[in-house]
Amino acid sequence: MSKIPADLRYARTHEWLRQSGDGSVEVGISDHAQAALGDLVYVQLPDVGRSVAAQEACAVVESVKAASDVYAPVSGTVTAVNDALVKSPELVNQDPYGQGWMFRLKPAAGAVTGLLSAAEYQAVADET
């Protein structure tokens, strides 16, 4: 059974979002997603300063099984990326909600809406 922290919000495409006190958000893929992908061997992160729309593909993860897009759960501007993942993509497998975060966004006004609670995401994860 995948871990699904209750303090995060989730997209149906298996990304999570953590709101920070400064108004920014941190984004990564869920434990369910990393488990389904298997051992990650490569992560391509978005460029800092890039504007993204909600549900836009903005990063890529590759595993021994397949490559998969990572989607922005909300619209905003990329303010930081987790450079550690370039050399150590396995951090996403080992700690998807901590050291495996992928990028930070400054969300557009009113953008952090329509995401799933942990319970709602659990139902989506159970279907896949």
N, C-alpha and C. Protein backbone atom coordinates (compact mmCIF):
# COMPACT_ATOMS: atom_id res chain seq x y z
N MET A 1 0.85 -1.19 0.00
CA MET A 1 0.00 0.00 0.00
C MET A 1 0.89 1.24 0.00
N SER A 2 0.58 2.16 -0.86
CA SER A 2 1.35 3.39 -0.99
C SER A 2 1.09 4.33 0.17
N LYS A 3 2.11 5.11 0.49
CA LYS A 3 1.95 6.17 1.48
C LYS A 3 1.30 7.37 0.80
N ILE A 4 0.33 7.97 1.49
CA ILE A 4 -0.36 9.15 0.96
C ILE A 4 -0.53 10.14 2.12
N PRO A 5 0.46 11.03 2.32
CA PRO A 5 0.37 11.97 3.43
C PRO A 5 -0.87 12.85 3.34
N ALA A 6 -1.52 13.02 4.48
CA ALA A 6 -2.78 13.77 4.54
C ALA A 6 -2.58 15.28 4.38
N ASP A 7 -1.36 15.78 4.61
CA ASP A 7 -1.14 17.23 4.55
C ASP A 7 -0.84 17.74 3.15
N LEU A 8 -0.83 16.86 2.16
CA LEU A 8 -0.55 17.26 0.79
C LEU A 8 -1.82 17.27 -0.04
N ARG A 9 -1.76 17.92 -1.20
CA ARG A 9 -2.84 17.87 -2.19
C ARG A 9 -2.32 17.09 -3.38
N TYR A 10 -3.21 16.51 -4.17
CA TYR A 10 -2.80 15.59 -5.23
C TYR A 10 -3.53 15.88 -6.53
N ALA A 11 -2.85 15.56 -7.63
CA ALA A 11 -3.47 15.63 -8.96
C ALA A 11 -3.82 14.20 -9.39
N ARG A 12 -4.79 14.06 -10.24
CA ARG A 12 -5.18 12.74 -10.76
C ARG A 12 -4.04 12.08 -11.54
N THR A 13 -3.09 12.88 -11.99
CA THR A 13 -1.95 12.37 -12.74
C THR A 13 -0.78 11.96 -11.84
N HIS A 14 -1.04 11.88 -10.53
CA HIS A 14 -0.12 11.32 -9.52
C HIS A 14 0.99 12.27 -9.06
N GLU A 15 0.80 13.57 -9.25
CA GLU A 15 1.72 14.54 -8.66
C GLU A 15 1.16 14.99 -7.31
N TRP A 16 2.05 15.36 -6.40
CA TRP A 16 1.61 15.94 -5.13
C TRP A 16 2.08 17.40 -5.06
N LEU A 17 1.43 18.15 -4.18
CA LEU A 17 1.73 19.57 -4.00
C LEU A 17 1.74 19.86 -2.51
N ARG A 18 2.79 20.51 -2.06
CA ARG A 18 2.90 20.95 -0.66
C ARG A 18 2.98 22.47 -0.65
N GLN A 19 2.07 23.11 0.07
CA GLN A 19 2.09 24.57 0.16
C GLN A 19 3.08 24.99 1.24
N SER A 20 3.86 26.03 0.93
CA SER A 20 4.83 26.59 1.86
C SER A 20 4.28 27.87 2.46
N GLY A 21 4.86 28.28 3.56
CA GLY A 21 4.42 29.50 4.23
C GLY A 21 4.65 30.75 3.42
N ASP A 22 5.58 30.71 2.46
CA ASP A 22 5.88 31.90 1.66
C ASP A 22 5.00 32.02 0.41
N GLY A 23 4.03 31.12 0.28
CA GLY A 23 3.12 31.16 -0.86
C GLY A 23 3.54 30.28 -2.03
N SER A 24 4.77 29.76 -1.99
CA SER A 24 5.21 28.87 -3.06
C SER A 24 4.70 27.45 -2.79
N VAL A 25 4.84 26.60 -3.78
CA VAL A 25 4.43 25.20 -3.63
C VAL A 25 5.57 24.30 -4.11
N GLU A 26 5.70 23.16 -3.47
CA GLU A 26 6.68 22.16 -3.85
C GLU A 26 5.93 21.02 -4.53
N VAL A 27 6.53 20.45 -5.58
CA VAL A 27 5.85 19.43 -6.39
C VAL A 27 6.75 18.20 -6.53
N GLY A 28 6.12 17.03 -6.50
CA GLY A 28 6.82 15.78 -6.76
C GLY A 28 5.81 14.76 -7.24
N ILE A 29 6.27 13.51 -7.42
CA ILE A 29 5.34 12.45 -7.78
C ILE A 29 5.06 11.59 -6.56
N SER A 30 3.89 10.99 -6.55
CA SER A 30 3.45 10.23 -5.39
C SER A 30 4.22 8.92 -5.23
N ASP A 31 4.12 8.37 -4.04
CA ASP A 31 4.71 7.06 -3.76
C ASP A 31 4.11 6.02 -4.69
N HIS A 32 2.82 6.11 -4.96
CA HIS A 32 2.15 5.19 -5.88
C HIS A 32 2.79 5.27 -7.27
N ALA A 33 3.04 6.48 -7.76
CA ALA A 33 3.62 6.67 -9.09
C ALA A 33 5.03 6.13 -9.16
N GLN A 34 5.86 6.44 -8.17
CA GLN A 34 7.24 5.96 -8.22
C GLN A 34 7.31 4.45 -8.13
N ALA A 35 6.40 3.84 -7.36
CA ALA A 35 6.37 2.38 -7.26
C ALA A 35 5.95 1.75 -8.59
N ALA A 36 4.99 2.36 -9.26
CA ALA A 36 4.53 1.84 -10.54
C ALA A 36 5.62 1.96 -11.61
N LEU A 37 6.41 3.02 -11.55
CA LEU A 37 7.48 3.23 -12.53
C LEU A 37 8.66 2.29 -12.31
N GLY A 38 8.94 1.98 -11.06
CA GLY A 38 10.12 1.18 -10.76
C GLY A 38 11.33 2.08 -10.53
N ASP A 39 12.51 1.50 -10.56
CA ASP A 39 13.74 2.23 -10.26
C ASP A 39 13.99 3.33 -11.28
N LEU A 40 14.00 4.58 -10.81
CA LEU A 40 14.26 5.70 -11.71
C LEU A 40 15.75 5.79 -12.04
N VAL A 41 16.03 6.07 -13.31
CA VAL A 41 17.41 6.18 -13.77
C VAL A 41 17.72 7.57 -14.33
N TYR A 42 16.69 8.40 -14.53
CA TYR A 42 16.89 9.72 -15.11
C TYR A 42 15.72 10.62 -14.77
N VAL A 43 16.02 11.87 -14.46
CA VAL A 43 14.99 12.88 -14.22
C VAL A 43 15.37 14.13 -15.00
N GLN A 44 14.44 14.63 -15.81
CA GLN A 44 14.62 15.89 -16.53
C GLN A 44 13.69 16.91 -15.88
N LEU A 45 14.28 17.97 -15.34
CA LEU A 45 13.53 18.98 -14.61
C LEU A 45 13.26 20.20 -15.48
N PRO A 46 12.21 20.97 -15.16
CA PRO A 46 11.94 22.19 -15.94
C PRO A 46 12.97 23.26 -15.63
N ASP A 47 13.08 24.22 -16.52
CA ASP A 47 13.99 25.35 -16.31
C ASP A 47 13.40 26.32 -15.29
N VAL A 48 14.25 26.83 -14.41
CA VAL A 48 13.82 27.87 -13.48
C VAL A 48 13.41 29.09 -14.31
N GLY A 49 12.29 29.69 -13.95
CA GLY A 49 11.75 30.83 -14.68
C GLY A 49 10.68 30.46 -15.69
N ARG A 50 10.56 29.17 -15.97
CA ARG A 50 9.55 28.72 -16.94
C ARG A 50 8.15 28.91 -16.37
N SER A 51 7.25 29.42 -17.17
CA SER A 51 5.84 29.49 -16.79
C SER A 51 5.16 28.22 -17.27
N VAL A 52 4.35 27.64 -16.41
CA VAL A 52 3.64 26.41 -16.76
C VAL A 52 2.15 26.58 -16.49
N ALA A 53 1.37 25.89 -17.28
CA ALA A 53 -0.08 25.86 -17.08
C ALA A 53 -0.43 24.60 -16.31
N ALA A 54 -1.52 24.63 -15.59
CA ALA A 54 -1.99 23.44 -14.88
C ALA A 54 -2.16 22.31 -15.89
N GLN A 55 -1.70 21.14 -15.54
CA GLN A 55 -1.78 19.92 -16.32
C GLN A 55 -0.85 19.92 -17.54
N GLU A 56 0.11 20.86 -17.58
CA GLU A 56 1.10 20.88 -18.65
C GLU A 56 2.27 19.97 -18.28
N ALA A 57 2.72 19.15 -19.23
CA ALA A 57 3.91 18.33 -19.01
C ALA A 57 5.10 19.26 -18.88
N CYS A 58 5.85 19.13 -17.79
CA CYS A 58 6.96 20.05 -17.58
C CYS A 58 8.23 19.37 -17.09
N ALA A 59 8.17 18.08 -16.82
CA ALA A 59 9.34 17.31 -16.41
C ALA A 59 9.15 15.89 -16.93
N VAL A 60 10.25 15.12 -16.89
CA VAL A 60 10.20 13.74 -17.35
C VAL A 60 10.96 12.87 -16.35
N VAL A 61 10.41 11.70 -16.06
CA VAL A 61 11.12 10.70 -15.27
C VAL A 61 11.24 9.44 -16.11
N GLU A 62 12.41 8.82 -16.06
CA GLU A 62 12.63 7.57 -16.79
C GLU A 62 13.05 6.50 -15.80
N SER A 63 12.48 5.34 -15.98
CA SER A 63 12.83 4.20 -15.15
C SER A 63 13.32 3.08 -16.04
N VAL A 64 13.67 1.98 -15.42
CA VAL A 64 14.08 0.82 -16.21
C VAL A 64 12.90 0.28 -17.01
N LYS A 65 11.67 0.66 -16.63
CA LYS A 65 10.46 0.19 -17.32
C LYS A 65 9.98 1.12 -18.42
N ALA A 66 9.99 2.44 -18.15
CA ALA A 66 9.35 3.38 -19.08
C ALA A 66 9.73 4.82 -18.75
N ALA A 67 9.38 5.72 -19.66
CA ALA A 67 9.50 7.15 -19.42
C ALA A 67 8.10 7.69 -19.18
N SER A 68 8.01 8.71 -18.36
CA SER A 68 6.70 9.28 -18.04
C SER A 68 6.83 10.78 -17.84
N ASP A 69 5.84 11.52 -18.34
CA ASP A 69 5.80 12.95 -18.10
C ASP A 69 5.36 13.24 -16.68
N VAL A 70 5.84 14.36 -16.15
CA VAL A 70 5.39 14.89 -14.87
C VAL A 70 4.66 16.19 -15.22
N TYR A 71 3.46 16.34 -14.70
CA TYR A 71 2.60 17.48 -15.03
C TYR A 71 2.57 18.49 -13.89
N ALA A 72 2.47 19.76 -14.25
CA ALA A 72 2.29 20.80 -13.24
C ALA A 72 0.88 20.66 -12.67
N PRO A 73 0.75 20.50 -11.35
CA PRO A 73 -0.59 20.37 -10.78
C PRO A 73 -1.36 21.69 -10.77
N VAL A 74 -0.64 22.81 -10.86
CA VAL A 74 -1.25 24.14 -10.90
C VAL A 74 -0.45 25.03 -11.85
N SER A 75 -1.04 26.13 -12.28
CA SER A 75 -0.33 27.10 -13.11
C SER A 75 0.61 27.92 -12.24
N GLY A 76 1.74 28.31 -12.82
CA GLY A 76 2.67 29.14 -12.08
C GLY A 76 4.01 29.25 -12.77
N THR A 77 4.98 29.77 -12.03
CA THR A 77 6.34 29.95 -12.53
C THR A 77 7.29 29.10 -11.70
N VAL A 78 8.16 28.36 -12.37
CA VAL A 78 9.14 27.52 -11.69
C VAL A 78 10.17 28.43 -11.01
N THR A 79 10.32 28.27 -9.69
CA THR A 79 11.26 29.10 -8.94
C THR A 79 12.50 28.34 -8.50
N ALA A 80 12.43 27.01 -8.48
CA ALA A 80 13.58 26.19 -8.06
C ALA A 80 13.36 24.77 -8.54
N VAL A 81 14.47 24.06 -8.73
CA VAL A 81 14.42 22.64 -9.06
C VAL A 81 15.34 21.90 -8.11
N ASN A 82 15.08 20.62 -7.94
CA ASN A 82 15.90 19.79 -7.06
C ASN A 82 17.04 19.20 -7.88
N ASP A 83 18.15 19.94 -7.95
CA ASP A 83 19.31 19.52 -8.74
C ASP A 83 19.89 18.18 -8.29
N ALA A 84 19.65 17.79 -7.04
CA ALA A 84 20.18 16.52 -6.53
C ALA A 84 19.64 15.34 -7.34
N LEU A 85 18.46 15.50 -7.94
CA LEU A 85 17.85 14.40 -8.70
C LEU A 85 18.59 14.10 -10.00
N VAL A 86 19.33 15.08 -10.52
CA VAL A 86 20.07 14.86 -11.76
C VAL A 86 21.12 13.77 -11.55
N LYS A 87 21.83 13.83 -10.43
CA LYS A 87 22.85 12.83 -10.13
C LYS A 87 22.30 11.63 -9.38
N SER A 88 21.19 11.83 -8.66
CA SER A 88 20.64 10.76 -7.84
C SER A 88 19.12 10.65 -8.02
N PRO A 89 18.66 10.20 -9.21
CA PRO A 89 17.22 10.10 -9.45
C PRO A 89 16.53 9.11 -8.51
N GLU A 90 17.31 8.21 -7.93
CA GLU A 90 16.74 7.23 -7.00
C GLU A 90 16.17 7.87 -5.74
N LEU A 91 16.49 9.13 -5.47
CA LEU A 91 15.90 9.83 -4.32
C LEU A 91 14.37 9.87 -4.42
N VAL A 92 13.86 9.92 -5.66
CA VAL A 92 12.41 9.91 -5.85
C VAL A 92 11.83 8.58 -5.36
N ASN A 93 12.52 7.48 -5.63
CA ASN A 93 12.07 6.18 -5.15
C ASN A 93 12.20 6.06 -3.64
N GLN A 94 13.30 6.55 -3.11
CA GLN A 94 13.60 6.39 -1.69
C GLN A 94 12.76 7.30 -0.79
N ASP A 95 12.48 8.51 -1.24
CA ASP A 95 11.81 9.51 -0.39
C ASP A 95 10.97 10.45 -1.26
N PRO A 96 9.88 9.93 -1.87
CA PRO A 96 9.14 10.75 -2.84
C PRO A 96 8.54 12.03 -2.26
N TYR A 97 8.27 12.07 -0.96
CA TYR A 97 7.65 13.25 -0.35
C TYR A 97 8.64 14.14 0.38
N GLY A 98 9.92 13.78 0.35
CA GLY A 98 10.95 14.55 1.03
C GLY A 98 12.04 14.93 0.07
N GLN A 99 13.17 14.21 0.13
CA GLN A 99 14.32 14.51 -0.71
C GLN A 99 14.03 14.32 -2.20
N GLY A 100 12.94 13.63 -2.53
CA GLY A 100 12.59 13.38 -3.92
C GLY A 100 11.69 14.44 -4.55
N TRP A 101 11.50 15.59 -3.87
CA TRP A 101 10.69 16.66 -4.49
C TRP A 101 11.36 17.05 -5.81
N MET A 102 10.59 17.57 -6.75
CA MET A 102 11.13 17.85 -8.08
C MET A 102 11.33 19.33 -8.37
N PHE A 103 10.30 20.14 -8.13
CA PHE A 103 10.43 21.57 -8.42
C PHE A 103 9.49 22.37 -7.53
N ARG A 104 9.78 23.67 -7.46
CA ARG A 104 8.93 24.60 -6.72
C ARG A 104 8.34 25.60 -7.70
N LEU A 105 7.11 25.97 -7.42
CA LEU A 105 6.39 26.93 -8.24
C LEU A 105 5.91 28.10 -7.40
N LYS A 106 5.87 29.27 -8.02
CA LYS A 106 5.10 30.38 -7.48
C LYS A 106 3.78 30.30 -8.22
N PRO A 107 2.72 29.84 -7.55
CA PRO A 107 1.46 29.64 -8.27
C PRO A 107 0.81 30.94 -8.71
N ALA A 108 0.12 30.86 -9.84
CA ALA A 108 -0.67 31.99 -10.30
C ALA A 108 -1.79 32.25 -9.29
N ALA A 109 -2.29 33.47 -9.24
CA ALA A 109 -3.35 33.83 -8.29
C ALA A 109 -4.53 32.88 -8.43
N GLY A 110 -4.95 32.31 -7.33
CA GLY A 110 -6.12 31.43 -7.31
C GLY A 110 -5.89 30.07 -7.95
N ALA A 111 -4.63 29.72 -8.24
CA ALA A 111 -4.35 28.49 -8.99
C ALA A 111 -4.45 27.22 -8.13
N VAL A 112 -4.27 27.35 -6.83
CA VAL A 112 -4.23 26.15 -5.99
C VAL A 112 -5.66 25.76 -5.59
N THR A 113 -6.38 25.26 -6.59
CA THR A 113 -7.74 24.79 -6.38
C THR A 113 -7.95 23.53 -7.19
N GLY A 114 -8.97 22.78 -6.86
CA GLY A 114 -9.34 21.61 -7.65
C GLY A 114 -8.46 20.40 -7.47
N LEU A 115 -7.55 20.44 -6.52
CA LEU A 115 -6.71 19.28 -6.27
C LEU A 115 -7.39 18.33 -5.29
N LEU A 116 -6.92 17.11 -5.26
CA LEU A 116 -7.55 16.08 -4.44
C LEU A 116 -6.97 16.03 -3.03
N SER A 117 -7.82 15.68 -2.08
CA SER A 117 -7.35 15.40 -0.73
C SER A 117 -6.68 14.03 -0.74
N ALA A 118 -6.04 13.66 0.36
CA ALA A 118 -5.40 12.35 0.45
C ALA A 118 -6.43 11.23 0.25
N ALA A 119 -7.60 11.37 0.85
CA ALA A 119 -8.64 10.33 0.72
C ALA A 119 -9.13 10.23 -0.71
N GLU A 120 -9.31 11.38 -1.36
CA GLU A 120 -9.76 11.37 -2.76
C GLU A 120 -8.70 10.76 -3.67
N TYR A 121 -7.44 11.10 -3.39
CA TYR A 121 -6.35 10.54 -4.20
C TYR A 121 -6.22 9.03 -3.98
N GLN A 122 -6.46 8.58 -2.77
CA GLN A 122 -6.40 7.14 -2.50
C GLN A 122 -7.35 6.38 -3.42
N ALA A 123 -8.54 6.92 -3.64
CA ALA A 123 -9.50 6.28 -4.52
C ALA A 123 -8.98 6.24 -5.96
N VAL A 124 -8.31 7.31 -6.40
CA VAL A 124 -7.73 7.33 -7.75
C VAL A 124 -6.60 6.32 -7.85
N ALA A 125 -5.73 6.29 -6.85
CA ALA A 125 -4.61 5.36 -6.86
C ALA A 125 -5.08 3.92 -6.85
N ASP A 126 -6.18 3.64 -6.15
CA ASP A 126 -6.71 2.28 -6.10
C ASP A 126 -7.23 1.81 -7.45
N GLU A 127 -7.63 2.77 -8.30
CA GLU A 127 -8.16 2.44 -9.64
C GLU A 127 -7.05 2.11 -10.63
N THR A 128 -5.83 2.58 -10.35
CA THR A 128 -4.74 2.40 -11.32
C THR A 128 -3.78 1.32 -10.91
